[in-house]
């Protein structure tokens, strides 16, 4: 059973929660840029968030179902339709065999996700199906690919309230080991500056632009290369900050001014080009309950789904449904 790719955008890959335990061997986690979207799709289909989905950067594609299948759409809202009929985002739907699903450009945000019942069953490598293009693991999806999927249509016809993380905003950060290399005046200016996501961005990281002078650390040319992780904010030689994302390198010598909390990384990754970002320093004591609340929110997602009410005008085979059953009496 598979989903046939008829058309596809230039940067679509299979992603799950990524690989853990290989940082010391030079392999970063990879996985979905927006992990919250994986959990949302799993809740909509009533399945595990560990299953793989299709990550679509900026634009989706056209897909044909070989057999009946359940799908869910999460992440950056994109235009979507089944056989020409518009369907809701952040919702699960049923695809009959032969039906075409078309996903267009993102209206907001960057990364949209197509989930299928049973997950996408591409080959697993080191415990994950996630493509990691910089490590030459996996590949971008191509026209004609047949994405193997799990069995059964799954739970469909459900929706989930939209989370507004697709326009930038405030990212909470904690101090890193190298934060003390920046003087307090520089740190204050960093926290007061409004940045814009620049044009240089991919799954490795995203550059931020701002007006005024750049940001530099003391003796930054003598900094030894150290372990880095997604969320670290590096300062390049030009003084522009880079937020590192799932396919970032595992070591680096640029000074890191702070680290974005994992619970705010979905908002960071989903910031569209030109989107505004500000940083707010929090202490470790403040960050711990924030992260705990985020994890608790993920666990509550299955309880927050609700039926997707369809407009009768959008149901082409409305007369085939049994809308009234049983008998009624005009007098009782």
C-alpha atoms as a PDB file:
ATOM      1  CA  UNK A   1       0.000   0.000   0.000  1.00  0.00           C
ATOM      2  CA  UNK A   2       1.467   3.337  -0.981  1.00  0.00           C
ATOM      3  CA  UNK A   3       0.877   6.997  -1.772  1.00  0.00           C
ATOM      4  CA  UNK A   4       2.034   7.878  -5.286  1.00  0.00           C
ATOM      5  CA  UNK A   5       3.821  11.190  -5.784  1.00  0.00           C
ATOM      6  CA  UNK A   6       2.504  12.885  -8.947  1.00  0.00           C
ATOM      7  CA  UNK A   7       4.033  16.336  -8.360  1.00  0.00           C
ATOM      8  CA  UNK A   8       6.279  17.542  -5.537  1.00  0.00           C
ATOM      9  CA  UNK A   9       7.980  20.663  -4.210  1.00  0.00           C
ATOM     10  CA  UNK A  10      11.777  20.999  -4.186  1.00  0.00           C
ATOM     11  CA  UNK A  11      12.436  20.360  -0.490  1.00  0.00           C
ATOM     12  CA  UNK A  12      10.134  17.573   0.734  1.00  0.00           C
ATOM     13  CA  UNK A  13      11.600  14.824   2.910  1.00  0.00           C
ATOM     14  CA  UNK A  14      10.416  12.036   5.178  1.00  0.00           C
ATOM     15  CA  UNK A  15      10.908  12.979   8.829  1.00  0.00           C
ATOM     16  CA  UNK A  16      10.166  11.558  12.259  1.00  0.00           C
ATOM     17  CA  UNK A  17      11.546  12.496  15.670  1.00  0.00           C
ATOM     18  CA  UNK A  18      15.094  11.876  14.505  1.00  0.00           C
ATOM     19  CA  UNK A  19      18.090   9.900  15.715  1.00  0.00           C
ATOM     20  CA  UNK A  20      19.450  10.192  19.220  1.00  0.00           C
ATOM     21  CA  UNK A  21      22.706   8.897  20.643  1.00  0.00           C
ATOM     22  CA  UNK A  22      25.023   9.615  17.704  1.00  0.00           C
ATOM     23  CA  UNK A  23      26.213  13.125  18.513  1.00  0.00           C
ATOM     24  CA  UNK A  24      29.611  11.831  19.634  1.00  0.00           C
ATOM     25  CA  UNK A  25      30.004  10.205  16.220  1.00  0.00           C
ATOM     26  CA  UNK A  26      29.323  13.430  14.358  1.00  0.00           C
ATOM     27  CA  UNK A  27      25.677  12.799  13.459  1.00  0.00           C
ATOM     28  CA  UNK A  28      23.066  15.318  14.608  1.00  0.00           C
ATOM     29  CA  UNK A  29      19.470  14.373  15.365  1.00  0.00           C
ATOM     30  CA  UNK A  30      17.757  15.547  12.167  1.00  0.00           C
ATOM     31  CA  UNK A  31      14.022  14.791  12.378  1.00  0.00           C
ATOM     32  CA  UNK A  32      11.112  17.165  11.896  1.00  0.00           C
ATOM     33  CA  UNK A  33      11.862  20.865  12.155  1.00  0.00           C
ATOM     34  CA  UNK A  34       8.505  21.245  13.940  1.00  0.00           C
ATOM     35  CA  UNK A  35       8.141  18.338  16.369  1.00  0.00           C
ATOM     36  CA  UNK A  36       4.846  19.739  17.647  1.00  0.00           C
ATOM     37  CA  UNK A  37       3.372  19.156  14.176  1.00  0.00           C
ATOM     38  CA  UNK A  38       4.284  15.442  14.428  1.00  0.00           C
ATOM     39  CA  UNK A  39       2.360  15.133  17.669  1.00  0.00           C
ATOM     40  CA  UNK A  40      -0.615  17.033  16.229  1.00  0.00           C
ATOM     41  CA  UNK A  41      -0.809  14.700  13.234  1.00  0.00           C
ATOM     42  CA  UNK A  42      -0.552  11.640  15.458  1.00  0.00           C
ATOM     43  CA  UNK A  43      -3.417  12.901  17.622  1.00  0.00           C
ATOM     44  CA  UNK A  44      -5.603  13.539  14.570  1.00  0.00           C
ATOM     45  CA  UNK A  45      -5.061   9.973  13.299  1.00  0.00           C
ATOM     46  CA  UNK A  46      -4.993   8.357  16.765  1.00  0.00           C
ATOM     47  CA  UNK A  47      -1.535   6.881  16.310  1.00  0.00           C
ATOM     48  CA  UNK A  48       1.990   7.170  17.686  1.00  0.00           C
ATOM     49  CA  UNK A  49       3.942  10.436  17.270  1.00  0.00           C
ATOM     50  CA  UNK A  50       7.011   8.286  16.583  1.00  0.00           C
ATOM     51  CA  UNK A  51       5.709   7.468  13.097  1.00  0.00           C
ATOM     52  CA  UNK A  52       7.225   9.205  10.070  1.00  0.00           C
ATOM     53  CA  UNK A  53       5.477  11.909   8.039  1.00  0.00           C
ATOM     54  CA  UNK A  54       6.273  13.992   4.967  1.00  0.00           C
ATOM     55  CA  UNK A  55       7.808  17.381   5.733  1.00  0.00           C
ATOM     56  CA  UNK A  56       7.103  19.990   3.030  1.00  0.00           C
ATOM     57  CA  UNK A  57       9.183  23.167   2.995  1.00  0.00           C
ATOM     58  CA  UNK A  58       7.189  26.069   1.588  1.00  0.00           C
ATOM     59  CA  UNK A  59       5.117  24.056  -0.905  1.00  0.00           C
ATOM     60  CA  UNK A  60       3.624  20.579  -1.085  1.00  0.00           C
ATOM     61  CA  UNK A  61       2.690  18.514  -4.122  1.00  0.00           C
ATOM     62  CA  UNK A  62       0.125  16.173  -5.636  1.00  0.00           C
ATOM     63  CA  UNK A  63      -0.442  12.665  -4.328  1.00  0.00           C
ATOM     64  CA  UNK A  64      -2.630   9.749  -5.410  1.00  0.00           C
ATOM     65  CA  UNK A  65      -3.921   7.047  -3.071  1.00  0.00           C
ATOM     66  CA  UNK A  66      -3.440   3.471  -4.307  1.00  0.00           C
ATOM     67  CA  UNK A  67      -5.850   2.191  -1.651  1.00  0.00           C
ATOM     68  CA  UNK A  68      -8.158   3.870   0.906  1.00  0.00           C
ATOM     69  CA  UNK A  69      -6.058   5.767   3.422  1.00  0.00           C
ATOM     70  CA  UNK A  70      -6.379   8.269   6.244  1.00  0.00           C
ATOM     71  CA  UNK A  71      -4.328  11.456   6.113  1.00  0.00           C
ATOM     72  CA  UNK A  72      -3.753  14.448   8.375  1.00  0.00           C
ATOM     73  CA  UNK A  73      -2.347  17.886   7.602  1.00  0.00           C
ATOM     74  CA  UNK A  74      -0.480  19.937  10.213  1.00  0.00           C
ATOM     75  CA  UNK A  75       2.253  22.546  10.550  1.00  0.00           C
ATOM     76  CA  UNK A  76       2.382  25.643   8.349  1.00  0.00           C
ATOM     77  CA  UNK A  77      -1.097  26.098   6.807  1.00  0.00           C
ATOM     78  CA  UNK A  78      -1.108  25.304   3.085  1.00  0.00           C
ATOM     79  CA  UNK A  79      -3.849  25.268   0.476  1.00  0.00           C
ATOM     80  CA  UNK A  80      -5.153  21.697   0.177  1.00  0.00           C
ATOM     81  CA  UNK A  81      -7.852  19.885  -1.779  1.00  0.00           C
ATOM     82  CA  UNK A  82      -9.043  16.366  -2.589  1.00  0.00           C
ATOM     83  CA  UNK A  83     -10.212  15.958  -6.193  1.00  0.00           C
ATOM     84  CA  UNK A  84     -10.621  19.721  -6.417  1.00  0.00           C
ATOM     85  CA  UNK A  85     -12.636  20.136  -3.202  1.00  0.00           C
ATOM     86  CA  UNK A  86     -10.920  22.313  -0.587  1.00  0.00           C
ATOM     87  CA  UNK A  87     -10.224  20.579   2.728  1.00  0.00           C
ATOM     88  CA  UNK A  88      -9.407  21.893   6.176  1.00  0.00           C
ATOM     89  CA  UNK A  89      -5.883  22.161   7.567  1.00  0.00           C
ATOM     90  CA  UNK A  90      -5.018  20.823  11.028  1.00  0.00           C
ATOM     91  CA  UNK A  91      -7.496  18.064  10.361  1.00  0.00           C
ATOM     92  CA  UNK A  92      -7.676  14.415   9.271  1.00  0.00           C
ATOM     93  CA  UNK A  93      -9.375  13.259   6.085  1.00  0.00           C
ATOM     94  CA  UNK A  94     -10.201  10.070   4.172  1.00  0.00           C
ATOM     95  CA  UNK A  95      -8.711   9.389   0.739  1.00  0.00           C
ATOM     96  CA  UNK A  96     -10.438   6.834  -1.487  1.00  0.00           C
ATOM     97  CA  UNK A  97      -8.350   4.764  -3.878  1.00  0.00           C
ATOM     98  CA  UNK A  98      -7.526   6.857  -6.928  1.00  0.00           C
ATOM     99  CA  UNK A  99      -8.330  10.200  -5.332  1.00  0.00           C
ATOM    100  CA  UNK A 100      -5.829  13.053  -5.733  1.00  0.00           C
ATOM    101  CA  UNK A 101      -4.618  15.162  -2.832  1.00  0.00           C
ATOM    102  CA  UNK A 102      -3.133  18.510  -3.876  1.00  0.00           C
ATOM    103  CA  UNK A 103      -1.169  20.622  -1.384  1.00  0.00           C
ATOM    104  CA  UNK A 104      -0.105  24.099  -2.458  1.00  0.00           C
ATOM    105  CA  UNK A 105       2.044  26.872  -1.023  1.00  0.00           C
ATOM    106  CA  UNK A 106       2.250  27.841   2.632  1.00  0.00           C
ATOM    107  CA  UNK A 107       0.002  30.753   3.586  1.00  0.00           C
ATOM    108  CA  UNK A 108       1.970  31.254   6.809  1.00  0.00           C
ATOM    109  CA  UNK A 109       5.018  29.605   8.310  1.00  0.00           C
ATOM    110  CA  UNK A 110       7.537  27.375   6.560  1.00  0.00           C
ATOM    111  CA  UNK A 111       7.071  23.637   7.155  1.00  0.00           C
ATOM    112  CA  UNK A 112       3.832  21.754   6.482  1.00  0.00           C
ATOM    113  CA  UNK A 113       3.337  18.057   7.259  1.00  0.00           C
ATOM    114  CA  UNK A 114       1.422  15.284   5.532  1.00  0.00           C
ATOM    115  CA  UNK A 115       0.709  12.346   7.849  1.00  0.00           C
ATOM    116  CA  UNK A 116      -0.732   9.005   6.775  1.00  0.00           C
ATOM    117  CA  UNK A 117      -2.446   6.305   8.790  1.00  0.00           C
ATOM    118  CA  UNK A 118       0.187   3.843   9.928  1.00  0.00           C
ATOM    119  CA  UNK A 119       2.992   6.281   9.118  1.00  0.00           C
ATOM    120  CA  UNK A 120       5.311   6.437   6.115  1.00  0.00           C
ATOM    121  CA  UNK A 121       7.229   3.166   6.049  1.00  0.00           C
ATOM    122  CA  UNK A 122      10.456   4.024   4.266  1.00  0.00           C
ATOM    123  CA  UNK A 123      13.597   2.156   5.279  1.00  0.00           C
ATOM    124  CA  UNK A 124      14.823   2.809   8.803  1.00  0.00           C
ATOM    125  CA  UNK A 125      18.492   3.675   9.381  1.00  0.00           C
ATOM    126  CA  UNK A 126      20.022   3.877  12.864  1.00  0.00           C
ATOM    127  CA  UNK A 127      16.586   3.725  14.416  1.00  0.00           C
ATOM    128  CA  UNK A 128      14.951   6.472  12.358  1.00  0.00           C
ATOM    129  CA  UNK A 129      13.377   7.074   8.946  1.00  0.00           C
ATOM    130  CA  UNK A 130      14.354  10.761   9.003  1.00  0.00           C
ATOM    131  CA  UNK A 131      16.229  12.072   5.993  1.00  0.00           C
ATOM    132  CA  UNK A 132      19.451  13.888   6.905  1.00  0.00           C
ATOM    133  CA  UNK A 133      20.588  15.393   3.637  1.00  0.00           C
ATOM    134  CA  UNK A 134      23.825  16.928   4.907  1.00  0.00           C
ATOM    135  CA  UNK A 135      24.842  13.467   6.154  1.00  0.00           C
ATOM    136  CA  UNK A 136      23.632  11.882   2.877  1.00  0.00           C
ATOM    137  CA  UNK A 137      20.984   9.833   4.670  1.00  0.00           C
ATOM    138  CA  UNK A 138      17.795   9.573   2.636  1.00  0.00           C
ATOM    139  CA  UNK A 139      16.832  11.945  -0.169  1.00  0.00           C
ATOM    140  CA  UNK A 140      14.288  14.527  -1.227  1.00  0.00           C
ATOM    141  CA  UNK A 141      11.014  13.091  -2.500  1.00  0.00           C
ATOM    142  CA  UNK A 142      10.779  12.866  -6.299  1.00  0.00           C
ATOM    143  CA  UNK A 143       7.943  12.618  -8.826  1.00  0.00           C
ATOM    144  CA  UNK A 144       7.010   8.975  -9.284  1.00  0.00           C
ATOM    145  CA  UNK A 145       8.064   7.892  -5.800  1.00  0.00           C
ATOM    146  CA  UNK A 146       5.708   5.495  -4.060  1.00  0.00           C
ATOM    147  CA  UNK A 147       5.655   6.248  -0.346  1.00  0.00           C
ATOM    148  CA  UNK A 148       4.933   3.022   1.555  1.00  0.00           C
ATOM    149  CA  UNK A 149       2.295   3.550   4.227  1.00  0.00           C
ATOM    150  CA  UNK A 150       0.793   1.579   7.084  1.00  0.00           C
ATOM    151  CA  UNK A 151      -2.400  -0.410   6.734  1.00  0.00           C
ATOM    152  CA  UNK A 152      -5.962   0.786   7.270  1.00  0.00           C
ATOM    153  CA  UNK A 153      -7.663   4.173   6.892  1.00  0.00           C
ATOM    154  CA  UNK A 154      -7.124   5.138  10.546  1.00  0.00           C
ATOM    155  CA  UNK A 155      -9.284   7.647  12.385  1.00  0.00           C
ATOM    156  CA  UNK A 156     -10.375  10.517  10.136  1.00  0.00           C
ATOM    157  CA  UNK A 157     -12.826  13.399  10.161  1.00  0.00           C
ATOM    158  CA  UNK A 158     -11.199  15.093  13.150  1.00  0.00           C
ATOM    159  CA  UNK A 159      -9.777  18.568  13.710  1.00  0.00           C
ATOM    160  CA  UNK A 160      -7.490  20.300  16.165  1.00  0.00           C
ATOM    161  CA  UNK A 161      -7.358  23.967  17.142  1.00  0.00           C
ATOM    162  CA  UNK A 162      -4.621  25.909  15.331  1.00  0.00           C
ATOM    163  CA  UNK A 163      -1.539  26.921  17.284  1.00  0.00           C
ATOM    164  CA  UNK A 164      -0.234  30.356  16.224  1.00  0.00           C
ATOM    165  CA  UNK A 165       3.472  29.743  15.767  1.00  0.00           C
ATOM    166  CA  UNK A 166       3.839  30.647  12.109  1.00  0.00           C
ATOM    167  CA  UNK A 167       4.653  34.369  12.139  1.00  0.00           C
ATOM    168  CA  UNK A 168       7.699  34.629  14.388  1.00  0.00           C
ATOM    169  CA  UNK A 169       7.431  36.204  17.836  1.00  0.00           C
ATOM    170  CA  UNK A 170       9.307  35.900  21.114  1.00  0.00           C
ATOM    171  CA  UNK A 171      11.774  33.028  21.555  1.00  0.00           C
ATOM    172  CA  UNK A 172      12.806  32.237  25.109  1.00  0.00           C
ATOM    173  CA  UNK A 173      16.502  31.463  25.541  1.00  0.00           C
ATOM    174  CA  UNK A 174      18.852  30.380  28.298  1.00  0.00           C
ATOM    175  CA  UNK A 175      22.493  31.272  28.729  1.00  0.00           C
ATOM    176  CA  UNK A 176      25.027  28.862  27.250  1.00  0.00           C
ATOM    177  CA  UNK A 177      28.588  28.138  28.327  1.00  0.00           C
ATOM    178  CA  UNK A 178      29.804  30.923  26.047  1.00  0.00           C
ATOM    179  CA  UNK A 179      27.260  33.580  27.006  1.00  0.00           C
ATOM    180  CA  UNK A 180      29.735  35.143  29.503  1.00  0.00           C
ATOM    181  CA  UNK A 181      32.039  35.902  26.550  1.00  0.00           C
ATOM    182  CA  UNK A 182      29.567  38.656  25.580  1.00  0.00           C
ATOM    183  CA  UNK A 183      29.586  41.744  27.798  1.00  0.00           C
ATOM    184  CA  UNK A 184      26.368  42.829  29.484  1.00  0.00           C
ATOM    185  CA  UNK A 185      25.863  45.760  27.130  1.00  0.00           C
ATOM    186  CA  UNK A 186      25.930  43.400  24.147  1.00  0.00           C
ATOM    187  CA  UNK A 187      23.565  40.959  25.863  1.00  0.00           C
ATOM    188  CA  UNK A 188      21.115  43.739  26.682  1.00  0.00           C
ATOM    189  CA  UNK A 189      21.231  45.014  23.103  1.00  0.00           C
ATOM    190  CA  UNK A 190      20.683  41.472  21.825  1.00  0.00           C
ATOM    191  CA  UNK A 191      17.538  41.102  23.950  1.00  0.00           C
ATOM    192  CA  UNK A 192      16.241  44.524  22.870  1.00  0.00           C
ATOM    193  CA  UNK A 193      16.791  44.013  19.135  1.00  0.00           C
ATOM    194  CA  UNK A 194      14.056  42.981  16.723  1.00  0.00           C
ATOM    195  CA  UNK A 195      15.492  40.527  14.217  1.00  0.00           C
ATOM    196  CA  UNK A 196      14.094  39.378  10.893  1.00  0.00           C
ATOM    197  CA  UNK A 197      14.550  35.937   9.408  1.00  0.00           C
ATOM    198  CA  UNK A 198      16.958  36.313   6.508  1.00  0.00           C
ATOM    199  CA  UNK A 199      17.063  34.568   3.154  1.00  0.00           C
ATOM    200  CA  UNK A 200      19.829  32.171   4.240  1.00  0.00           C
ATOM    201  CA  UNK A 201      17.923  29.341   5.871  1.00  0.00           C
ATOM    202  CA  UNK A 202      17.545  25.574   5.565  1.00  0.00           C
ATOM    203  CA  UNK A 203      17.249  22.587   7.879  1.00  0.00           C
ATOM    204  CA  UNK A 204      20.754  23.278   9.223  1.00  0.00           C
ATOM    205  CA  UNK A 205      19.972  26.758  10.479  1.00  0.00           C
ATOM    206  CA  UNK A 206      18.502  30.176   9.801  1.00  0.00           C
ATOM    207  CA  UNK A 207      20.213  33.555   9.676  1.00  0.00           C
ATOM    208  CA  UNK A 208      18.669  36.565  11.398  1.00  0.00           C
ATOM    209  CA  UNK A 209      19.126  40.114  10.161  1.00  0.00           C
ATOM    210  CA  UNK A 210      18.837  43.387  12.061  1.00  0.00           C
ATOM    211  CA  UNK A 211      19.709  47.044  11.742  1.00  0.00           C
ATOM    212  CA  UNK A 212      22.693  48.490  13.563  1.00  0.00           C
ATOM    213  CA  UNK A 213      26.041  46.931  14.341  1.00  0.00           C
ATOM    214  CA  UNK A 214      26.538  43.197  14.727  1.00  0.00           C
ATOM    215  CA  UNK A 215      27.194  41.208  17.894  1.00  0.00           C
ATOM    216  CA  UNK A 216      30.638  39.995  18.890  1.00  0.00           C
ATOM    217  CA  UNK A 217      32.212  38.151  21.805  1.00  0.00           C
ATOM    218  CA  UNK A 218      35.537  38.848  23.457  1.00  0.00           C
ATOM    219  CA  UNK A 219      38.336  36.830  21.888  1.00  0.00           C
ATOM    220  CA  UNK A 220      35.945  35.024  19.589  1.00  0.00           C
ATOM    221  CA  UNK A 221      38.711  34.166  17.140  1.00  0.00           C
ATOM    222  CA  UNK A 222      40.358  32.006  19.813  1.00  0.00           C
ATOM    223  CA  UNK A 223      37.299  29.962  20.782  1.00  0.00           C
ATOM    224  CA  UNK A 224      37.824  26.195  20.611  1.00  0.00           C
ATOM    225  CA  UNK A 225      35.340  24.081  18.652  1.00  0.00           C
ATOM    226  CA  UNK A 226      32.758  22.612  21.047  1.00  0.00           C
ATOM    227  CA  UNK A 227      29.650  20.443  20.923  1.00  0.00           C
ATOM    228  CA  UNK A 228      26.582  22.246  19.612  1.00  0.00           C
ATOM    229  CA  UNK A 229      22.909  21.239  19.411  1.00  0.00           C
ATOM    230  CA  UNK A 230      19.723  22.497  17.733  1.00  0.00           C
ATOM    231  CA  UNK A 231      18.598  25.743  19.319  1.00  0.00           C
ATOM    232  CA  UNK A 232      22.092  27.130  19.839  1.00  0.00           C
ATOM    233  CA  UNK A 233      22.462  30.693  18.541  1.00  0.00           C
ATOM    234  CA  UNK A 234      25.841  31.202  16.890  1.00  0.00           C
ATOM    235  CA  UNK A 235      27.335  34.570  16.034  1.00  0.00           C
ATOM    236  CA  UNK A 236      29.154  34.546  12.719  1.00  0.00           C
ATOM    237  CA  UNK A 237      32.087  36.747  11.826  1.00  0.00           C
ATOM    238  CA  UNK A 238      29.668  39.351  10.443  1.00  0.00           C
ATOM    239  CA  UNK A 239      27.884  39.583  13.794  1.00  0.00           C
ATOM    240  CA  UNK A 240      24.659  38.010  12.459  1.00  0.00           C
ATOM    241  CA  UNK A 241      23.043  35.377  14.665  1.00  0.00           C
ATOM    242  CA  UNK A 242      22.201  31.928  13.296  1.00  0.00           C
ATOM    243  CA  UNK A 243      19.665  29.700  15.044  1.00  0.00           C
ATOM    244  CA  UNK A 244      20.786  26.107  14.533  1.00  0.00           C
ATOM    245  CA  UNK A 245      18.114  23.596  13.450  1.00  0.00           C
ATOM    246  CA  UNK A 246      17.832  19.758  13.272  1.00  0.00           C
ATOM    247  CA  UNK A 247      20.547  19.128  10.667  1.00  0.00           C
ATOM    248  CA  UNK A 248      23.119  21.408  12.282  1.00  0.00           C
ATOM    249  CA  UNK A 249      26.728  20.346  12.578  1.00  0.00           C
ATOM    250  CA  UNK A 250      27.751  18.671  15.836  1.00  0.00           C
ATOM    251  CA  UNK A 251      30.684  20.971  16.664  1.00  0.00           C
ATOM    252  CA  UNK A 252      31.494  24.575  15.899  1.00  0.00           C
ATOM    253  CA  UNK A 253      33.856  27.398  16.746  1.00  0.00           C
ATOM    254  CA  UNK A 254      31.559  30.398  16.428  1.00  0.00           C
ATOM    255  CA  UNK A 255      30.588  31.893  19.803  1.00  0.00           C
ATOM    256  CA  UNK A 256      27.099  31.023  21.029  1.00  0.00           C
ATOM    257  CA  UNK A 257      25.264  33.811  22.765  1.00  0.00           C
ATOM    258  CA  UNK A 258      22.321  31.689  24.008  1.00  0.00           C
ATOM    259  CA  UNK A 259      20.187  28.593  23.320  1.00  0.00           C
ATOM    260  CA  UNK A 260      16.520  28.580  22.332  1.00  0.00           C
ATOM    261  CA  UNK A 261      14.359  26.445  24.638  1.00  0.00           C
ATOM    262  CA  UNK A 262      13.286  23.204  22.897  1.00  0.00           C
ATOM    263  CA  UNK A 263       9.637  24.131  23.454  1.00  0.00           C
ATOM    264  CA  UNK A 264      10.170  27.288  21.355  1.00  0.00           C
ATOM    265  CA  UNK A 265      12.067  25.627  18.500  1.00  0.00           C
ATOM    266  CA  UNK A 266       8.845  24.923  16.519  1.00  0.00           C
ATOM    267  CA  UNK A 267       8.123  28.674  16.511  1.00  0.00           C
ATOM    268  CA  UNK A 268      11.706  29.415  15.458  1.00  0.00           C
ATOM    269  CA  UNK A 269      11.684  26.899  12.592  1.00  0.00           C
ATOM    270  CA  UNK A 270       8.258  28.030  11.379  1.00  0.00           C
ATOM    271  CA  UNK A 271       9.184  31.723  11.186  1.00  0.00           C
ATOM    272  CA  UNK A 272       8.741  32.709   7.519  1.00  0.00           C
ATOM    273  CA  UNK A 273      11.279  34.792   5.578  1.00  0.00           C
ATOM    274  CA  UNK A 274      11.107  38.360   6.870  1.00  0.00           C
ATOM    275  CA  UNK A 275       9.272  37.292  10.020  1.00  0.00           C
ATOM    276  CA  UNK A 276      10.128  39.237  13.181  1.00  0.00           C
ATOM    277  CA  UNK A 277      11.859  37.543  16.130  1.00  0.00           C
ATOM    278  CA  UNK A 278      12.850  38.801  19.560  1.00  0.00           C
ATOM    279  CA  UNK A 279      14.722  36.947  22.305  1.00  0.00           C
ATOM    280  CA  UNK A 280      13.886  36.765  25.997  1.00  0.00           C
ATOM    281  CA  UNK A 281      16.450  35.424  28.458  1.00  0.00           C
ATOM    282  CA  UNK A 282      15.057  33.117  31.141  1.00  0.00           C
ATOM    283  CA  UNK A 283      16.831  31.342  33.965  1.00  0.00           C
ATOM    284  CA  UNK A 284      17.175  27.573  34.207  1.00  0.00           C
ATOM    285  CA  UNK A 285      14.680  27.609  37.079  1.00  0.00           C
ATOM    286  CA  UNK A 286      12.193  29.380  34.792  1.00  0.00           C
ATOM    287  CA  UNK A 287      12.954  27.196  31.775  1.00  0.00           C
ATOM    288  CA  UNK A 288      12.343  23.864  33.539  1.00  0.00           C
ATOM    289  CA  UNK A 289       8.591  24.356  34.182  1.00  0.00           C
ATOM    290  CA  UNK A 290       8.157  25.896  30.722  1.00  0.00           C
ATOM    291  CA  UNK A 291       9.564  22.762  29.125  1.00  0.00           C
ATOM    292  CA  UNK A 292       7.525  20.534  31.438  1.00  0.00           C
ATOM    293  CA  UNK A 293       4.355  22.397  30.457  1.00  0.00           C
ATOM    294  CA  UNK A 294       5.199  21.893  26.785  1.00  0.00           C
ATOM    295  CA  UNK A 295       5.608  18.129  27.259  1.00  0.00           C
ATOM    296  CA  UNK A 296       2.347  17.986  29.199  1.00  0.00           C
ATOM    297  CA  UNK A 297       0.647  19.854  26.353  1.00  0.00           C
ATOM    298  CA  UNK A 298       1.869  17.247  23.867  1.00  0.00           C
ATOM    299  CA  UNK A 299       0.389  14.491  26.025  1.00  0.00           C
ATOM    300  CA  UNK A 300      -2.978  16.304  26.134  1.00  0.00           C
ATOM    301  CA  UNK A 301      -3.307  16.684  22.349  1.00  0.00           C
ATOM    302  CA  UNK A 302      -5.281  13.422  21.789  1.00  0.00           C
ATOM    303  CA  UNK A 303      -7.916  14.671  24.226  1.00  0.00           C
ATOM    304  CA  UNK A 304      -8.261  17.975  22.367  1.00  0.00           C
ATOM    305  CA  UNK A 305      -9.301  16.675  18.945  1.00  0.00           C
ATOM    306  CA  UNK A 306     -12.937  17.089  17.946  1.00  0.00           C
ATOM    307  CA  UNK A 307     -15.122  16.089  15.016  1.00  0.00           C
ATOM    308  CA  UNK A 308     -14.611  17.988  11.794  1.00  0.00           C
ATOM    309  CA  UNK A 309     -18.017  19.259  10.688  1.00  0.00           C
ATOM    310  CA  UNK A 310     -18.193  19.327   6.893  1.00  0.00           C
ATOM    311  CA  UNK A 311     -20.242  21.788   4.877  1.00  0.00           C
ATOM    312  CA  UNK A 312     -22.895  19.824   2.887  1.00  0.00           C
ATOM    313  CA  UNK A 313     -21.970  21.922  -0.162  1.00  0.00           C
ATOM    314  CA  UNK A 314     -18.508  20.307  -0.064  1.00  0.00           C
ATOM    315  CA  UNK A 315     -19.833  16.714  -0.070  1.00  0.00           C
ATOM    316  CA  UNK A 316     -20.318  15.720  -3.728  1.00  0.00           C
ATOM    317  CA  UNK A 317     -21.912  12.360  -2.834  1.00  0.00           C
ATOM    318  CA  UNK A 318     -24.226  13.780  -0.154  1.00  0.00           C
ATOM    319  CA  UNK A 319     -27.264  11.815  -1.370  1.00  0.00           C
ATOM    320  CA  UNK A 320     -25.445   8.524  -0.830  1.00  0.00           C
ATOM    321  CA  UNK A 321     -25.331   9.156   2.941  1.00  0.00           C
ATOM    322  CA  UNK A 322     -28.069   7.857   5.243  1.00  0.00           C
ATOM    323  CA  UNK A 323     -28.975  11.173   6.827  1.00  0.00           C
ATOM    324  CA  UNK A 324     -32.103   9.934   8.673  1.00  0.00           C
ATOM    325  CA  UNK A 325     -32.607   6.462  10.115  1.00  0.00           C
ATOM    326  CA  UNK A 326     -35.505   4.844  11.877  1.00  0.00           C
ATOM    327  CA  UNK A 327     -39.127   5.986  11.869  1.00  0.00           C
ATOM    328  CA  UNK A 328     -40.771   9.130  13.135  1.00  0.00           C
ATOM    329  CA  UNK A 329     -44.336   9.942  14.051  1.00  0.00           C
ATOM    330  CA  UNK A 330     -46.136  13.176  13.425  1.00  0.00           C
ATOM    331  CA  UNK A 331     -48.296  12.686  16.502  1.00  0.00           C
ATOM    332  CA  UNK A 332     -45.992  11.138  19.151  1.00  0.00           C
END
